[in-house]
């Protein structure tokens, strides 16, 4: 995975979340991750979130980890 993809993961999560009409709080709760962690991933403060956090986000967005990472 190149660094460009890392930067875009947060943006992609944000875009998908908005498409589903979810707030950051709703997604964080559904994914069972801290709200602050989700916001930091979305804005790119956390460049390489743990695979566990990303997997939970993918599940909350009703998609596979592979789909979210591509």
PDB file of N, CA and C in Angstrom:
ATOM      1  N   UNK A   1       0.846  -1.182   0.000  1.00  0.00           N
ATOM      2  CA  UNK A   1       0.000   0.000   0.000  1.00  0.00           C
ATOM      3  C   UNK A   1       0.889   1.242   0.000  1.00  0.00           C
ATOM      4  N   UNK A   2       0.666   2.133  -0.939  1.00  0.00           N
ATOM      5  CA  UNK A   2       1.495   3.334  -0.995  1.00  0.00           C
ATOM      6  C   UNK A   2       0.919   4.431  -0.103  1.00  0.00           C
ATOM      7  N   UNK A   3       1.712   5.482   0.113  1.00  0.00           N
ATOM      8  CA  UNK A   3       1.296   6.528   1.040  1.00  0.00           C
ATOM      9  C   UNK A   3       0.079   7.297   0.530  1.00  0.00           C
ATOM     10  N   UNK A   4      -0.074   7.390  -0.788  1.00  0.00           N
ATOM     11  CA  UNK A   4      -1.232   8.081  -1.359  1.00  0.00           C
ATOM     12  C   UNK A   4      -2.519   7.389  -0.909  1.00  0.00           C
ATOM     13  N   UNK A   5      -2.498   6.065  -0.903  1.00  0.00           N
ATOM     14  CA  UNK A   5      -3.663   5.304  -0.478  1.00  0.00           C
ATOM     15  C   UNK A   5      -3.966   5.545   0.998  1.00  0.00           C
ATOM     16  N   UNK A   6      -2.920   5.626   1.810  1.00  0.00           N
ATOM     17  CA  UNK A   6      -3.104   5.894   3.242  1.00  0.00           C
ATOM     18  C   UNK A   6      -3.835   7.207   3.459  1.00  0.00           C
ATOM     19  N   UNK A   7      -3.405   8.225   2.740  1.00  0.00           N
ATOM     20  CA  UNK A   7      -4.025   9.536   2.882  1.00  0.00           C
ATOM     21  C   UNK A   7      -5.480   9.499   2.450  1.00  0.00           C
ATOM     22  N   UNK A   8      -5.787   8.662   1.479  1.00  0.00           N
ATOM     23  CA  UNK A   8      -7.141   8.631   0.940  1.00  0.00           C
ATOM     24  C   UNK A   8      -8.095   7.727   1.707  1.00  0.00           C
ATOM     25  N   UNK A   9      -7.578   6.876   2.577  1.00  0.00           N
ATOM     26  CA  UNK A   9      -8.455   5.967   3.320  1.00  0.00           C
ATOM     27  C   UNK A   9      -9.445   6.756   4.175  1.00  0.00           C
ATOM     28  N   UNK A  10      -8.940   7.751   4.894  1.00  0.00           N
ATOM     29  CA  UNK A  10      -9.816   8.577   5.728  1.00  0.00           C
ATOM     30  C   UNK A  10     -10.856   9.299   4.907  1.00  0.00           C
ATOM     31  N   UNK A  11     -10.427   9.832   3.772  1.00  0.00           N
ATOM     32  CA  UNK A  11     -11.356  10.533   2.878  1.00  0.00           C
ATOM     33  C   UNK A  11     -12.410   9.578   2.340  1.00  0.00           C
ATOM     34  N   UNK A  12     -11.981   8.359   2.029  1.00  0.00           N
ATOM     35  CA  UNK A  12     -12.922   7.364   1.501  1.00  0.00           C
ATOM     36  C   UNK A  12     -13.942   6.970   2.572  1.00  0.00           C
ATOM     37  N   UNK A  13     -13.459   6.768   3.798  1.00  0.00           N
ATOM     38  CA  UNK A  13     -14.370   6.439   4.899  1.00  0.00           C
ATOM     39  C   UNK A  13     -15.386   7.565   5.085  1.00  0.00           C
ATOM     40  N   UNK A  14     -14.899   8.805   5.060  1.00  0.00           N
ATOM     41  CA  UNK A  14     -15.784   9.962   5.230  1.00  0.00           C
ATOM     42  C   UNK A  14     -16.834  10.009   4.115  1.00  0.00           C
ATOM     43  N   UNK A  15     -16.398   9.785   2.872  1.00  0.00           N
ATOM     44  CA  UNK A  15     -17.303   9.825   1.727  1.00  0.00           C
ATOM     45  C   UNK A  15     -18.379   8.739   1.846  1.00  0.00           C
ATOM     46  N   UNK A  16     -17.959   7.523   2.178  1.00  0.00           N
ATOM     47  CA  UNK A  16     -18.902   6.406   2.311  1.00  0.00           C
ATOM     48  C   UNK A  16     -19.872   6.654   3.464  1.00  0.00           C
ATOM     49  N   UNK A  17     -19.356   7.187   4.555  1.00  0.00           N
ATOM     50  CA  UNK A  17     -20.202   7.483   5.718  1.00  0.00           C
ATOM     51  C   UNK A  17     -21.271   8.502   5.344  1.00  0.00           C
ATOM     52  N   UNK A  18     -20.872   9.544   4.631  1.00  0.00           N
ATOM     53  CA  UNK A  18     -21.825  10.584   4.222  1.00  0.00           C
ATOM     54  C   UNK A  18     -22.853  10.037   3.234  1.00  0.00           C
ATOM     55  N   UNK A  19     -22.394   9.155   2.330  1.00  0.00           N
ATOM     56  CA  UNK A  19     -23.324   8.541   1.371  1.00  0.00           C
ATOM     57  C   UNK A  19     -24.403   7.741   2.084  1.00  0.00           C
ATOM     58  N   UNK A  20     -24.040   7.161   3.231  1.00  0.00           N
ATOM     59  CA  UNK A  20     -25.007   6.379   4.004  1.00  0.00           C
ATOM     60  C   UNK A  20     -25.803   7.246   4.970  1.00  0.00           C
ATOM     61  N   UNK A  21     -25.511   8.560   4.942  1.00  0.00           N
ATOM     62  CA  UNK A  21     -26.240   9.494   5.793  1.00  0.00           C
ATOM     63  C   UNK A  21     -25.942   9.332   7.269  1.00  0.00           C
ATOM     64  N   UNK A  22     -24.734   8.891   7.583  1.00  0.00           N
ATOM     65  CA  UNK A  22     -24.362   8.679   8.981  1.00  0.00           C
ATOM     66  C   UNK A  22     -23.468   9.813   9.475  1.00  0.00           C
ATOM     67  N   UNK A  23     -23.643  10.168  10.739  1.00  0.00           N
ATOM     68  CA  UNK A  23     -22.736  11.144  11.360  1.00  0.00           C
ATOM     69  C   UNK A  23     -21.493  10.381  11.822  1.00  0.00           C
ATOM     70  N   UNK A  24     -20.443  11.120  12.162  1.00  0.00           N
ATOM     71  CA  UNK A  24     -19.238  10.474  12.685  1.00  0.00           C
ATOM     72  C   UNK A  24     -19.577   9.721  13.959  1.00  0.00           C
ATOM     73  N   UNK A  25     -20.415  10.310  14.793  1.00  0.00           N
ATOM     74  CA  UNK A  25     -20.807   9.678  16.048  1.00  0.00           C
ATOM     75  C   UNK A  25     -21.532   8.359  15.791  1.00  0.00           C
ATOM     76  N   UNK A  26     -22.453   8.361  14.827  1.00  0.00           N
ATOM     77  CA  UNK A  26     -23.198   7.136  14.506  1.00  0.00           C
ATOM     78  C   UNK A  26     -22.264   6.033  14.027  1.00  0.00           C
ATOM     79  N   UNK A  27     -21.342   6.389  13.124  1.00  0.00           N
ATOM     80  CA  UNK A  27     -20.419   5.391  12.597  1.00  0.00           C
ATOM     81  C   UNK A  27     -19.496   4.868  13.694  1.00  0.00           C
ATOM     82  N   UNK A  28     -18.991   5.753  14.524  1.00  0.00           N
ATOM     83  CA  UNK A  28     -18.108   5.328  15.622  1.00  0.00           C
ATOM     84  C   UNK A  28     -18.836   4.359  16.552  1.00  0.00           C
ATOM     85  N   UNK A  29     -20.075   4.675  16.877  1.00  0.00           N
ATOM     86  CA  UNK A  29     -20.861   3.788  17.750  1.00  0.00           C
ATOM     87  C   UNK A  29     -21.111   2.437  17.077  1.00  0.00           C
ATOM     88  N   UNK A  30     -21.508   2.470  15.812  1.00  0.00           N
ATOM     89  CA  UNK A  30     -21.810   1.238  15.087  1.00  0.00           C
ATOM     90  C   UNK A  30     -20.554   0.372  14.932  1.00  0.00           C
ATOM     91  N   UNK A  31     -19.410   1.037  14.719  1.00  0.00           N
ATOM     92  CA  UNK A  31     -18.144   0.319  14.545  1.00  0.00           C
ATOM     93  C   UNK A  31     -17.516  -0.049  15.891  1.00  0.00           C
ATOM     94  N   UNK A  32     -18.082   0.489  16.977  1.00  0.00           N
ATOM     95  CA  UNK A  32     -17.563   0.236  18.319  1.00  0.00           C
ATOM     96  C   UNK A  32     -16.104   0.670  18.454  1.00  0.00           C
ATOM     97  N   UNK A  33     -15.820   1.870  17.928  1.00  0.00           N
ATOM     98  CA  UNK A  33     -14.498   2.473  18.099  1.00  0.00           C
ATOM     99  C   UNK A  33     -14.694   3.872  18.678  1.00  0.00           C
ATOM    100  N   UNK A  34     -13.681   4.402  19.356  1.00  0.00           N
ATOM    101  CA  UNK A  34     -13.845   5.752  19.917  1.00  0.00           C
ATOM    102  C   UNK A  34     -14.109   6.791  18.824  1.00  0.00           C
ATOM    103  N   UNK A  35     -14.993   7.733  19.134  1.00  0.00           N
ATOM    104  CA  UNK A  35     -15.330   8.819  18.207  1.00  0.00           C
ATOM    105  C   UNK A  35     -14.066   9.566  17.782  1.00  0.00           C
ATOM    106  N   UNK A  36     -13.182   9.831  18.747  1.00  0.00           N
ATOM    107  CA  UNK A  36     -11.958  10.577  18.440  1.00  0.00           C
ATOM    108  C   UNK A  36     -11.071   9.810  17.461  1.00  0.00           C
ATOM    109  N   UNK A  37     -11.054   8.489  17.577  1.00  0.00           N
ATOM    110  CA  UNK A  37     -10.261   7.669  16.653  1.00  0.00           C
ATOM    111  C   UNK A  37     -10.800   7.813  15.237  1.00  0.00           C
ATOM    112  N   UNK A  38     -12.115   7.725  15.089  1.00  0.00           N
ATOM    113  CA  UNK A  38     -12.727   7.857  13.763  1.00  0.00           C
ATOM    114  C   UNK A  38     -12.436   9.234  13.158  1.00  0.00           C
ATOM    115  N   UNK A  39     -12.605  10.284  13.946  1.00  0.00           N
ATOM    116  CA  UNK A  39     -12.368  11.622  13.396  1.00  0.00           C
ATOM    117  C   UNK A  39     -10.906  11.788  12.980  1.00  0.00           C
ATOM    118  N   UNK A  40      -9.993  11.251  13.763  1.00  0.00           N
ATOM    119  CA  UNK A  40      -8.564  11.355  13.429  1.00  0.00           C
ATOM    120  C   UNK A  40      -8.221  10.559  12.173  1.00  0.00           C
ATOM    121  N   UNK A  41      -8.868   9.426  11.976  1.00  0.00           N
ATOM    122  CA  UNK A  41      -8.655   8.637  10.749  1.00  0.00           C
ATOM    123  C   UNK A  41      -9.183   9.436   9.554  1.00  0.00           C
ATOM    124  N   UNK A  42     -10.385   9.990   9.693  1.00  0.00           N
ATOM    125  CA  UNK A  42     -10.998  10.730   8.581  1.00  0.00           C
ATOM    126  C   UNK A  42     -10.187  11.954   8.163  1.00  0.00           C
ATOM    127  N   UNK A  43      -9.639  12.690   9.133  1.00  0.00           N
ATOM    128  CA  UNK A  43      -8.891  13.900   8.773  1.00  0.00           C
ATOM    129  C   UNK A  43      -7.418  13.617   8.490  1.00  0.00           C
ATOM    130  N   UNK A  44      -7.003  12.367   8.685  1.00  0.00           N
ATOM    131  CA  UNK A  44      -5.644  11.990   8.325  1.00  0.00           C
ATOM    132  C   UNK A  44      -4.599  12.172   9.408  1.00  0.00           C
ATOM    133  N   UNK A  45      -5.039  12.441  10.647  1.00  0.00           N
ATOM    134  CA  UNK A  45      -4.087  12.531  11.760  1.00  0.00           C
ATOM    135  C   UNK A  45      -3.498  11.147  12.018  1.00  0.00           C
ATOM    136  N   UNK A  46      -4.384  10.138  11.985  1.00  0.00           N
ATOM    137  CA  UNK A  46      -3.918   8.751  12.102  1.00  0.00           C
ATOM    138  C   UNK A  46      -3.722   8.249  10.668  1.00  0.00           C
ATOM    139  N   UNK A  47      -2.469   8.142  10.255  1.00  0.00           N
ATOM    140  CA  UNK A  47      -2.153   7.762   8.869  1.00  0.00           C
ATOM    141  C   UNK A  47      -2.317   6.261   8.640  1.00  0.00           C
ATOM    142  N   UNK A  48      -1.965   5.478   9.661  1.00  0.00           N
ATOM    143  CA  UNK A  48      -2.042   4.022   9.506  1.00  0.00           C
ATOM    144  C   UNK A  48      -2.872   3.440  10.648  1.00  0.00           C
ATOM    145  N   UNK A  49      -4.193   3.526  10.519  1.00  0.00           N
ATOM    146  CA  UNK A  49      -5.050   2.979  11.588  1.00  0.00           C
ATOM    147  C   UNK A  49      -4.873   1.472  11.686  1.00  0.00           C
ATOM    148  N   UNK A  50      -5.145   0.930  12.854  1.00  0.00           N
ATOM    149  CA  UNK A  50      -5.005  -0.517  13.036  1.00  0.00           C
ATOM    150  C   UNK A  50      -5.989  -1.251  12.129  1.00  0.00           C
ATOM    151  N   UNK A  51      -5.578  -2.433  11.716  1.00  0.00           N
ATOM    152  CA  UNK A  51      -6.436  -3.242  10.843  1.00  0.00           C
ATOM    153  C   UNK A  51      -7.739  -3.587  11.563  1.00  0.00           C
ATOM    154  N   UNK A  52      -7.681  -3.689  12.880  1.00  0.00           N
ATOM    155  CA  UNK A  52      -8.890  -3.995  13.657  1.00  0.00           C
ATOM    156  C   UNK A  52      -9.893  -2.844  13.562  1.00  0.00           C
ATOM    157  N   UNK A  53      -9.401  -1.619  13.696  1.00  0.00           N
ATOM    158  CA  UNK A  53     -10.272  -0.450  13.603  1.00  0.00           C
ATOM    159  C   UNK A  53     -10.873  -0.343  12.198  1.00  0.00           C
ATOM    160  N   UNK A  54     -10.031  -0.536  11.180  1.00  0.00           N
ATOM    161  CA  UNK A  54     -10.509  -0.435   9.795  1.00  0.00           C
ATOM    162  C   UNK A  54     -11.524  -1.543   9.499  1.00  0.00           C
ATOM    163  N   UNK A  55     -11.288  -2.735  10.023  1.00  0.00           N
ATOM    164  CA  UNK A  55     -12.229  -3.850   9.817  1.00  0.00           C
ATOM    165  C   UNK A  55     -13.580  -3.535  10.462  1.00  0.00           C
ATOM    166  N   UNK A  56     -13.551  -2.940  11.640  1.00  0.00           N
ATOM    167  CA  UNK A  56     -14.806  -2.574  12.324  1.00  0.00           C
ATOM    168  C   UNK A  56     -15.547  -1.496  11.542  1.00  0.00           C
ATOM    169  N   UNK A  57     -14.801  -0.530  11.006  1.00  0.00           N
ATOM    170  CA  UNK A  57     -15.410   0.532  10.199  1.00  0.00           C
ATOM    171  C   UNK A  57     -16.031  -0.070   8.939  1.00  0.00           C
ATOM    172  N   UNK A  58     -15.293  -0.964   8.278  1.00  0.00           N
ATOM    173  CA  UNK A  58     -15.807  -1.615   7.066  1.00  0.00           C
ATOM    174  C   UNK A  58     -17.110  -2.350   7.367  1.00  0.00           C
ATOM    175  N   UNK A  59     -17.124  -3.078   8.470  1.00  0.00           N
ATOM    176  CA  UNK A  59     -18.323  -3.833   8.851  1.00  0.00           C
ATOM    177  C   UNK A  59     -19.491  -2.886   9.125  1.00  0.00           C
ATOM    178  N   UNK A  60     -19.203  -1.788   9.809  1.00  0.00           N
ATOM    179  CA  UNK A  60     -20.248  -0.799  10.109  1.00  0.00           C
ATOM    180  C   UNK A  60     -20.785  -0.148   8.838  1.00  0.00           C
ATOM    181  N   UNK A  61     -19.928  -0.050   7.812  1.00  0.00           N
ATOM    182  CA  UNK A  61     -20.335   0.522   6.528  1.00  0.00           C
ATOM    183  C   UNK A  61     -20.929  -0.551   5.602  1.00  0.00           C
ATOM    184  N   UNK A  62     -21.060  -1.760   6.138  1.00  0.00           N
ATOM    185  CA  UNK A  62     -21.642  -2.896   5.413  1.00  0.00           C
ATOM    186  C   UNK A  62     -20.860  -3.223   4.145  1.00  0.00           C
ATOM    187  N   UNK A  63     -19.538  -3.319   4.311  1.00  0.00           N
ATOM    188  CA  UNK A  63     -18.682  -3.712   3.203  1.00  0.00           C
ATOM    189  C   UNK A  63     -17.530  -4.529   3.746  1.00  0.00           C
ATOM    190  N   UNK A  64     -16.809  -5.184   2.851  1.00  0.00           N
ATOM    191  CA  UNK A  64     -15.677  -5.979   3.289  1.00  0.00           C
ATOM    192  C   UNK A  64     -14.454  -5.083   3.489  1.00  0.00           C
ATOM    193  N   UNK A  65     -13.507  -5.576   4.252  1.00  0.00           N
ATOM    194  CA  UNK A  65     -12.249  -4.849   4.462  1.00  0.00           C
ATOM    195  C   UNK A  65     -11.553  -4.619   3.120  1.00  0.00           C
ATOM    196  N   UNK A  66     -11.578  -5.636   2.277  1.00  0.00           N
ATOM    197  CA  UNK A  66     -10.955  -5.517   0.934  1.00  0.00           C
ATOM    198  C   UNK A  66     -11.580  -4.384   0.121  1.00  0.00           C
ATOM    199  N   UNK A  67     -12.912  -4.308   0.147  1.00  0.00           N
ATOM    200  CA  UNK A  67     -13.609  -3.251  -0.605  1.00  0.00           C
ATOM    201  C   UNK A  67     -13.202  -1.871  -0.096  1.00  0.00           C
ATOM    202  N   UNK A  68     -13.118  -1.734   1.217  1.00  0.00           N
ATOM    203  CA  UNK A  68     -12.760  -0.445   1.802  1.00  0.00           C
ATOM    204  C   UNK A  68     -11.316  -0.068   1.483  1.00  0.00           C
ATOM    205  N   UNK A  69     -10.431  -1.060   1.427  1.00  0.00           N
ATOM    206  CA  UNK A  69      -9.005  -0.796   1.224  1.00  0.00           C
ATOM    207  C   UNK A  69      -8.618  -0.606  -0.238  1.00  0.00           C
ATOM    208  N   UNK A  70      -9.469  -1.003  -1.170  1.00  0.00           N
ATOM    209  CA  UNK A  70      -9.057  -0.905  -2.578  1.00  0.00           C
ATOM    210  C   UNK A  70      -9.095   0.513  -3.116  1.00  0.00           C
TER     211      UNK A  70
END
